[in-house]
Each structure stands twice: as C-alpha cells, then as structure tokens.
Amino acid sequence: MGIVEILGVAGSLSLLAGWRLYLTILATGIAMHFGWLPLPEHLQALQILANPWVLGVATIGTAAEFLADKVAWVDSAWDAVHSFIRPLGGALLALALVDSSDPAWQVIAFLLGGGGALLSHGAKATTRAVVNISPEPFSNAVVSTSEDIATTGLLALAIAYPSIAIIIAILLGAAAVVVIIALRRLLRNIKATLKSALGDGPPTQGELPPA
C-alpha cells in the first residue's frame, strides 16, 4: 500500500473505532490473520492484532458492546465510559499504520486518529442522547443495528479496497460533523420547548411581576 492508501485505511479505522472500537479491532485482526489486508514490511508489527488472545478479547468486547448498545440509556452509559477509550484506541490504530521511522508522520497520525475517533464518537453519543428521548423502545435497537451493519460494511470496503479508503474516511468525517451540528441544534430546540411547556420561559407581558 502507498502512503495515501495507508492514511485512508488509518483514517477509516480510526473513525469507525469511534462507533465500534472492539468490532474494528476484531475485523482488522481477522483480515490480517487471513491475509485479506496486505501490509508493507514496516507495518508487520500490526500482526499483533491477529494474535489469538487479542482476537479473543476483541470478540468479548464486541459482544458486550453489541448487547449494551441495544438498551436505552445503558448505551449512553457505555458511551460515557468509552469517551476516552475510543479516541485512544483510534489514535493507536492510526499510529500503528504509519512508518515508525518517520516521527513527524507518527505524531500527525496519532493526532488525526484520536481526533477522528473522538469526532465519530461524539456523533454517535449525541445521536443516542436524542434517540433515548423517544418513549417507544424500538428506535434505539434500530439505530444500533444500523450502526452495526454500517460499521461492518465500511470496514469490509476499507480493508478490501484500500484505494478508496481515503474517500470513506473523508465521507465519514464530514457526516460526523453534519450529524453533531444538526443534533445539537435539535437538542437545544427540545430543551427550549420543554422549558416553555413547564413554564420556565421568560414571562409574557401580561405575566410581568408587580414592581
């Protein structure tokens, strides 16, 4: 893989780690174990992800995340716990994909990987905060299952076609920014509506207190 492909795969994995860290590690390790993700010589250290112990722990984490993510508010608690873990995992994944003989690129990859994972994690956590407001119990499971399918599909694309991984990374980053902005506005509107309904808004002219 060339530098553009490496950066594309690193960016895609980092952003997807913000959604599903353990699934990303598990899929990457399996791809390396079966040789689906060809690595240049200087990245052979990444083969550690194909270690049976690493794959075992990643499998347990994937199963736990899959179950926790389907239960309203449990998913938000899980996201809160992983607010540090996912960005760190994304940063380390990106760092591992860059040539260790080039410290400048390593720093850049670490910062961009952590930032990308934090960005997608923020979009995911904000989405769940909005979905959990819904009184019906099915929307959370639907959104979570959609994330599972999207993560698996995008991981497969990035691994199978490293040449388009940079496009996937750019689209994921742009989508995360749009989602965060849109959902933050929606949350502000919901908060303002609730305040108004509860009578906490500013008094109208006829309700002004006496001097």
C-alpha atoms as a PDB file:
ATOM      1  CA  MET A   1       0.000   0.000   0.000  1.00  0.00           C
ATOM      2  CA  GLY A   2       1.144   3.537  -0.751  1.00  0.00           C
ATOM      3  CA  ILE A   3       1.060   6.417   1.729  1.00  0.00           C
ATOM      4  CA  VAL A   4      -2.369   7.621   0.521  1.00  0.00           C
ATOM      5  CA  GLU A   5      -3.858   4.148   0.931  1.00  0.00           C
ATOM      6  CA  ILE A   6      -2.242   3.734   4.355  1.00  0.00           C
ATOM      7  CA  LEU A   7      -3.593   7.081   5.526  1.00  0.00           C
ATOM      8  CA  GLY A   8      -7.000   6.208   4.096  1.00  0.00           C
ATOM      9  CA  VAL A   9      -7.142   2.894   5.936  1.00  0.00           C
ATOM     10  CA  ALA A  10      -5.839   4.549   9.117  1.00  0.00           C
ATOM     11  CA  GLY A  11      -8.457   7.294   8.881  1.00  0.00           C
ATOM     12  CA  SER A  12     -11.282   4.861   8.173  1.00  0.00           C
ATOM     13  CA  LEU A  13     -10.320   2.560  11.046  1.00  0.00           C
ATOM     14  CA  SER A  14      -9.964   5.490  13.446  1.00  0.00           C
ATOM     15  CA  LEU A  15     -13.339   6.973  12.562  1.00  0.00           C
ATOM     16  CA  LEU A  16     -15.057   3.578  12.754  1.00  0.00           C
ATOM     17  CA  ALA A  17     -13.368   2.936  16.116  1.00  0.00           C
ATOM     18  CA  GLY A  18     -15.405   5.889  17.411  1.00  0.00           C
ATOM     19  CA  TRP A  19     -18.525   3.838  16.657  1.00  0.00           C
ATOM     20  CA  ARG A  20     -17.393   0.304  17.356  1.00  0.00           C
ATOM     21  CA  LEU A  21     -13.864   0.069  18.746  1.00  0.00           C
ATOM     22  CA  TYR A  22     -13.861  -3.652  19.529  1.00  0.00           C
ATOM     23  CA  LEU A  23     -15.522  -4.631  16.258  1.00  0.00           C
ATOM     24  CA  THR A  24     -12.953  -2.551  14.358  1.00  0.00           C
ATOM     25  CA  ILE A  25     -10.055  -4.272  16.133  1.00  0.00           C
ATOM     26  CA  LEU A  26     -11.659  -7.691  15.665  1.00  0.00           C
ATOM     27  CA  ALA A  27     -12.335  -7.188  11.933  1.00  0.00           C
ATOM     28  CA  THR A  28      -8.847  -5.802  11.328  1.00  0.00           C
ATOM     29  CA  GLY A  29      -7.243  -8.700  13.219  1.00  0.00           C
ATOM     30  CA  ILE A  30      -9.271 -11.289  11.298  1.00  0.00           C
ATOM     31  CA  ALA A  31      -8.372  -9.595   7.986  1.00  0.00           C
ATOM     32  CA  MET A  32      -4.682  -9.766   8.911  1.00  0.00           C
ATOM     33  CA  HIS A  33      -4.943 -13.362  10.095  1.00  0.00           C
ATOM     34  CA  PHE A  34      -6.340 -14.492   6.737  1.00  0.00           C
ATOM     35  CA  GLY A  35      -4.175 -12.161   4.676  1.00  0.00           C
ATOM     36  CA  TRP A  36      -7.066 -10.022   3.411  1.00  0.00           C
ATOM     37  CA  LEU A  37      -5.268  -6.840   4.448  1.00  0.00           C
ATOM     38  CA  PRO A  38      -1.804  -6.869   2.841  1.00  0.00           C
ATOM     39  CA  LEU A  39       0.681  -4.824   4.821  1.00  0.00           C
ATOM     40  CA  PRO A  40       4.022  -3.399   3.755  1.00  0.00           C
ATOM     41  CA  GLU A  41       7.054  -4.713   5.594  1.00  0.00           C
ATOM     42  CA  HIS A  42       7.329  -1.787   8.009  1.00  0.00           C
ATOM     43  CA  LEU A  43       3.780  -2.445   9.268  1.00  0.00           C
ATOM     44  CA  GLN A  44       4.239  -6.113  10.109  1.00  0.00           C
ATOM     45  CA  ALA A  45       4.082  -5.200  13.815  1.00  0.00           C
ATOM     46  CA  LEU A  46       0.335  -4.787  13.293  1.00  0.00           C
ATOM     47  CA  GLN A  47       0.110  -8.561  13.019  1.00  0.00           C
ATOM     48  CA  ILE A  48      -0.252  -8.458  16.805  1.00  0.00           C
ATOM     49  CA  LEU A  49      -3.935  -7.728  16.136  1.00  0.00           C
ATOM     50  CA  ALA A  50      -4.184 -11.232  14.650  1.00  0.00           C
ATOM     51  CA  ASN A  51      -2.908 -12.777  17.888  1.00  0.00           C
ATOM     52  CA  PRO A  52      -5.490 -15.269  19.224  1.00  0.00           C
ATOM     53  CA  TRP A  53      -5.533 -13.566  22.642  1.00  0.00           C
ATOM     54  CA  VAL A  54      -6.150 -10.163  21.100  1.00  0.00           C
ATOM     55  CA  LEU A  55      -8.874 -11.620  18.885  1.00  0.00           C
ATOM     56  CA  GLY A  56     -10.442 -13.306  21.919  1.00  0.00           C
ATOM     57  CA  VAL A  57     -10.557 -10.116  23.984  1.00  0.00           C
ATOM     58  CA  ALA A  58     -11.854  -8.164  20.964  1.00  0.00           C
ATOM     59  CA  THR A  59     -14.592 -10.782  20.483  1.00  0.00           C
ATOM     60  CA  ILE A  60     -15.702 -10.434  24.113  1.00  0.00           C
ATOM     61  CA  GLY A  61     -15.650  -6.636  23.825  1.00  0.00           C
ATOM     62  CA  THR A  62     -17.625  -6.777  20.572  1.00  0.00           C
ATOM     63  CA  ALA A  63     -20.293  -8.986  22.136  1.00  0.00           C
ATOM     64  CA  ALA A  64     -20.546  -6.784  25.241  1.00  0.00           C
ATOM     65  CA  GLU A  65     -20.791  -3.634  23.123  1.00  0.00           C
ATOM     66  CA  PHE A  66     -23.392  -5.245  20.850  1.00  0.00           C
ATOM     67  CA  LEU A  67     -25.639  -6.048  23.826  1.00  0.00           C
ATOM     68  CA  ALA A  68     -25.104  -2.805  25.751  1.00  0.00           C
ATOM     69  CA  ASP A  69     -25.779  -0.739  22.660  1.00  0.00           C
ATOM     70  CA  LYS A  70     -29.289  -2.159  22.237  1.00  0.00           C
ATOM     71  CA  VAL A  71     -30.611  -0.985  25.636  1.00  0.00           C
ATOM     72  CA  ALA A  72     -31.737   2.615  26.025  1.00  0.00           C
ATOM     73  CA  TRP A  73     -29.603   4.651  28.448  1.00  0.00           C
ATOM     74  CA  VAL A  74     -27.292   1.681  29.014  1.00  0.00           C
ATOM     75  CA  ASP A  75     -25.835   2.623  25.631  1.00  0.00           C
ATOM     76  CA  SER A  76     -25.316   6.207  26.816  1.00  0.00           C
ATOM     77  CA  ALA A  77     -23.560   4.964  29.954  1.00  0.00           C
ATOM     78  CA  TRP A  78     -21.380   2.721  27.768  1.00  0.00           C
ATOM     79  CA  ASP A  79     -20.578   5.685  25.520  1.00  0.00           C
ATOM     80  CA  ALA A  80     -19.655   7.805  28.539  1.00  0.00           C
ATOM     81  CA  VAL A  81     -17.238   5.141  29.798  1.00  0.00           C
ATOM     82  CA  HIS A  82     -15.666   4.926  26.332  1.00  0.00           C
ATOM     83  CA  SER A  83     -15.301   8.684  25.799  1.00  0.00           C
ATOM     84  CA  PHE A  84     -11.578   8.262  26.485  1.00  0.00           C
ATOM     85  CA  ILE A  85     -11.090   4.651  25.400  1.00  0.00           C
ATOM     86  CA  ARG A  86     -12.379   5.026  21.831  1.00  0.00           C
ATOM     87  CA  PRO A  87     -10.306   8.106  20.903  1.00  0.00           C
ATOM     88  CA  LEU A  88      -7.215   6.479  22.395  1.00  0.00           C
ATOM     89  CA  GLY A  89      -7.917   3.253  20.522  1.00  0.00           C
ATOM     90  CA  GLY A  90      -8.454   5.145  17.272  1.00  0.00           C
ATOM     91  CA  ALA A  91      -5.230   7.095  17.788  1.00  0.00           C
ATOM     92  CA  LEU A  92      -3.227   3.915  18.451  1.00  0.00           C
ATOM     93  CA  LEU A  93      -4.711   2.176  15.406  1.00  0.00           C
ATOM     94  CA  ALA A  94      -3.718   5.116  13.202  1.00  0.00           C
ATOM     95  CA  LEU A  95      -0.290   5.316  14.839  1.00  0.00           C
ATOM     96  CA  ALA A  96       0.357   1.622  14.219  1.00  0.00           C
ATOM     97  CA  LEU A  97      -0.301   2.036  10.496  1.00  0.00           C
ATOM     98  CA  VAL A  98       2.368   4.705   9.967  1.00  0.00           C
ATOM     99  CA  ASP A  99       6.071   4.063   9.387  1.00  0.00           C
ATOM    100  CA  SER A 100       7.811   4.131  12.772  1.00  0.00           C
ATOM    101  CA  SER A 101      10.945   5.582  11.149  1.00  0.00           C
ATOM    102  CA  ASP A 102       9.127   8.875  10.466  1.00  0.00           C
ATOM    103  CA  PRO A 103       8.309  10.574  13.803  1.00  0.00           C
ATOM    104  CA  ALA A 104       6.551  13.508  12.135  1.00  0.00           C
ATOM    105  CA  TRP A 105       4.048  11.261  10.385  1.00  0.00           C
ATOM    106  CA  GLN A 106       3.573   9.304  13.604  1.00  0.00           C
ATOM    107  CA  VAL A 107       2.591  12.438  15.521  1.00  0.00           C
ATOM    108  CA  ILE A 108       0.261  13.521  12.722  1.00  0.00           C
ATOM    109  CA  ALA A 109      -1.342  10.065  12.543  1.00  0.00           C
ATOM    110  CA  PHE A 110      -1.784   9.895  16.323  1.00  0.00           C
ATOM    111  CA  LEU A 111      -3.462  13.313  16.487  1.00  0.00           C
ATOM    112  CA  LEU A 112      -5.664  12.772  13.449  1.00  0.00           C
ATOM    113  CA  GLY A 113      -6.565   9.239  14.519  1.00  0.00           C
ATOM    114  CA  GLY A 114      -7.546  10.337  18.012  1.00  0.00           C
ATOM    115  CA  GLY A 115      -9.398  13.362  16.682  1.00  0.00           C
ATOM    116  CA  GLY A 116     -11.264  11.281  14.098  1.00  0.00           C
ATOM    117  CA  ALA A 117     -12.321   8.687  16.665  1.00  0.00           C
ATOM    118  CA  LEU A 118     -13.412  11.431  19.072  1.00  0.00           C
ATOM    119  CA  LEU A 119     -15.409  13.111  16.295  1.00  0.00           C
ATOM    120  CA  SER A 120     -17.305   9.959  15.320  1.00  0.00           C
ATOM    121  CA  HIS A 121     -17.754   9.028  18.988  1.00  0.00           C
ATOM    122  CA  GLY A 122     -19.289  12.453  19.613  1.00  0.00           C
ATOM    123  CA  ALA A 123     -21.691  11.977  16.698  1.00  0.00           C
ATOM    124  CA  LYS A 124     -22.687   8.539  17.987  1.00  0.00           C
ATOM    125  CA  ALA A 125     -23.165   9.657  21.594  1.00  0.00           C
ATOM    126  CA  THR A 126     -25.184  12.717  20.555  1.00  0.00           C
ATOM    127  CA  THR A 127     -27.392  10.607  18.290  1.00  0.00           C
ATOM    128  CA  ARG A 128     -28.110   8.204  21.136  1.00  0.00           C
ATOM    129  CA  ALA A 129     -28.941  11.057  23.514  1.00  0.00           C
ATOM    130  CA  VAL A 130     -31.624  12.199  21.059  1.00  0.00           C
ATOM    131  CA  VAL A 131     -32.920   8.685  20.305  1.00  0.00           C
ATOM    132  CA  ASN A 132     -33.212   7.835  24.008  1.00  0.00           C
ATOM    133  CA  ILE A 133     -35.700  10.684  24.471  1.00  0.00           C
ATOM    134  CA  SER A 134     -38.170   8.748  22.323  1.00  0.00           C
ATOM    135  CA  PRO A 135     -40.784   6.989  24.506  1.00  0.00           C
ATOM    136  CA  GLU A 136     -41.070   3.891  22.294  1.00  0.00           C
ATOM    137  CA  PRO A 137     -38.496   1.093  22.876  1.00  0.00           C
ATOM    138  CA  PHE A 138     -37.616   0.137  19.304  1.00  0.00           C
ATOM    139  CA  SER A 139     -35.785   3.152  17.862  1.00  0.00           C
ATOM    140  CA  ASN A 140     -32.668   2.506  19.930  1.00  0.00           C
ATOM    141  CA  ALA A 141     -32.324  -1.076  18.680  1.00  0.00           C
ATOM    142  CA  VAL A 142     -32.948   0.026  15.088  1.00  0.00           C
ATOM    143  CA  VAL A 143     -30.285   2.749  15.243  1.00  0.00           C
ATOM    144  CA  SER A 144     -27.816   0.412  16.955  1.00  0.00           C
ATOM    145  CA  THR A 145     -28.355  -2.357  14.398  1.00  0.00           C
ATOM    146  CA  SER A 146     -27.905   0.176  11.582  1.00  0.00           C
ATOM    147  CA  GLU A 147     -24.574   1.197  13.132  1.00  0.00           C
ATOM    148  CA  ASP A 148     -23.515  -2.478  13.339  1.00  0.00           C
ATOM    149  CA  ILE A 149     -24.317  -3.037   9.662  1.00  0.00           C
ATOM    150  CA  ALA A 150     -22.729   0.251   8.523  1.00  0.00           C
ATOM    151  CA  THR A 151     -19.553  -0.349  10.528  1.00  0.00           C
ATOM    152  CA  THR A 152     -19.169  -3.903   9.222  1.00  0.00           C
ATOM    153  CA  GLY A 153     -19.789  -2.858   5.629  1.00  0.00           C
ATOM    154  CA  LEU A 154     -17.443   0.129   5.703  1.00  0.00           C
ATOM    155  CA  LEU A 155     -14.731  -1.923   7.411  1.00  0.00           C
ATOM    156  CA  ALA A 156     -15.042  -4.550   4.701  1.00  0.00           C
ATOM    157  CA  LEU A 157     -14.791  -1.887   1.983  1.00  0.00           C
ATOM    158  CA  ALA A 158     -11.763  -0.181   3.546  1.00  0.00           C
ATOM    159  CA  ILE A 159      -9.953  -3.492   4.015  1.00  0.00           C
ATOM    160  CA  ALA A 160     -10.846  -4.967   0.627  1.00  0.00           C
ATOM    161  CA  TYR A 161     -10.240  -1.759  -1.339  1.00  0.00           C
ATOM    162  CA  PRO A 162      -7.559   0.365   0.382  1.00  0.00           C
ATOM    163  CA  SER A 163      -7.506   2.663  -2.648  1.00  0.00           C
ATOM    164  CA  ILE A 164     -10.966   4.021  -1.783  1.00  0.00           C
ATOM    165  CA  ALA A 165     -10.412   4.050   1.985  1.00  0.00           C
ATOM    166  CA  ILE A 166      -9.414   7.733   1.884  1.00  0.00           C
ATOM    167  CA  ILE A 167     -12.803   8.557   0.330  1.00  0.00           C
ATOM    168  CA  ILE A 168     -14.562   6.563   3.036  1.00  0.00           C
ATOM    169  CA  ALA A 169     -12.599   8.438   5.723  1.00  0.00           C
ATOM    170  CA  ILE A 170     -13.476  11.846   4.246  1.00  0.00           C
ATOM    171  CA  LEU A 171     -17.168  10.974   3.926  1.00  0.00           C
ATOM    172  CA  LEU A 172     -17.292   9.584   7.489  1.00  0.00           C
ATOM    173  CA  GLY A 173     -15.639  12.700   8.907  1.00  0.00           C
ATOM    174  CA  ALA A 174     -17.954  15.049   7.009  1.00  0.00           C
ATOM    175  CA  ALA A 175     -21.027  13.035   8.033  1.00  0.00           C
ATOM    176  CA  ALA A 176     -19.985  13.115  11.695  1.00  0.00           C
ATOM    177  CA  VAL A 177     -19.631  16.914  11.624  1.00  0.00           C
ATOM    178  CA  VAL A 178     -23.049  17.347   9.981  1.00  0.00           C
ATOM    179  CA  VAL A 179     -24.712  14.974  12.468  1.00  0.00           C
ATOM    180  CA  ILE A 180     -23.200  16.700  15.507  1.00  0.00           C
ATOM    181  CA  ILE A 181     -24.254  20.168  14.325  1.00  0.00           C
ATOM    182  CA  ALA A 182     -27.787  19.042  13.411  1.00  0.00           C
ATOM    183  CA  LEU A 183     -28.365  17.088  16.632  1.00  0.00           C
ATOM    184  CA  ARG A 184     -27.001  19.840  18.874  1.00  0.00           C
ATOM    185  CA  ARG A 185     -29.497  22.245  17.309  1.00  0.00           C
ATOM    186  CA  LEU A 186     -32.269  19.699  17.773  1.00  0.00           C
ATOM    187  CA  LEU A 187     -31.354  19.207  21.440  1.00  0.00           C
ATOM    188  CA  ARG A 188     -31.395  22.970  22.019  1.00  0.00           C
ATOM    189  CA  ASN A 189     -34.847  23.193  20.425  1.00  0.00           C
ATOM    190  CA  ILE A 190     -36.145  20.310  22.544  1.00  0.00           C
ATOM    191  CA  LYS A 191     -34.737  21.935  25.694  1.00  0.00           C
ATOM    192  CA  ALA A 192     -36.357  25.272  24.833  1.00  0.00           C
ATOM    193  CA  THR A 193     -39.689  23.556  24.130  1.00  0.00           C
ATOM    194  CA  LEU A 194     -39.596  21.707  27.449  1.00  0.00           C
ATOM    195  CA  LYS A 195     -38.786  24.892  29.347  1.00  0.00           C
ATOM    196  CA  SER A 196     -41.668  26.672  27.672  1.00  0.00           C
ATOM    197  CA  ALA A 197     -44.062  23.789  28.405  1.00  0.00           C
ATOM    198  CA  LEU A 198     -43.027  23.731  32.070  1.00  0.00           C
ATOM    199  CA  GLY A 199     -43.449  27.468  32.416  1.00  0.00           C
ATOM    200  CA  ASP A 200     -39.757  28.164  32.865  1.00  0.00           C
ATOM    201  CA  GLY A 201     -39.535  30.502  29.904  1.00  0.00           C
ATOM    202  CA  PRO A 202     -39.423  34.288  30.172  1.00  0.00           C
ATOM    203  CA  PRO A 203     -42.723  35.784  31.399  1.00  0.00           C
ATOM    204  CA  THR A 204     -45.041  37.335  28.841  1.00  0.00           C
ATOM    205  CA  GLN A 205     -46.137  40.985  29.066  1.00  0.00           C
ATOM    206  CA  GLY A 206     -49.330  40.106  30.928  1.00  0.00           C
ATOM    207  CA  GLU A 207     -47.444  37.978  33.433  1.00  0.00           C
ATOM    208  CA  LEU A 208     -44.845  40.552  34.487  1.00  0.00           C
ATOM    209  CA  PRO A 209     -44.427  40.631  38.285  1.00  0.00           C
ATOM    210  CA  PRO A 210     -45.534  43.769  40.119  1.00  0.00           C
ATOM    211  CA  ALA A 211     -42.935  46.420  40.707  1.00  0.00           C
END
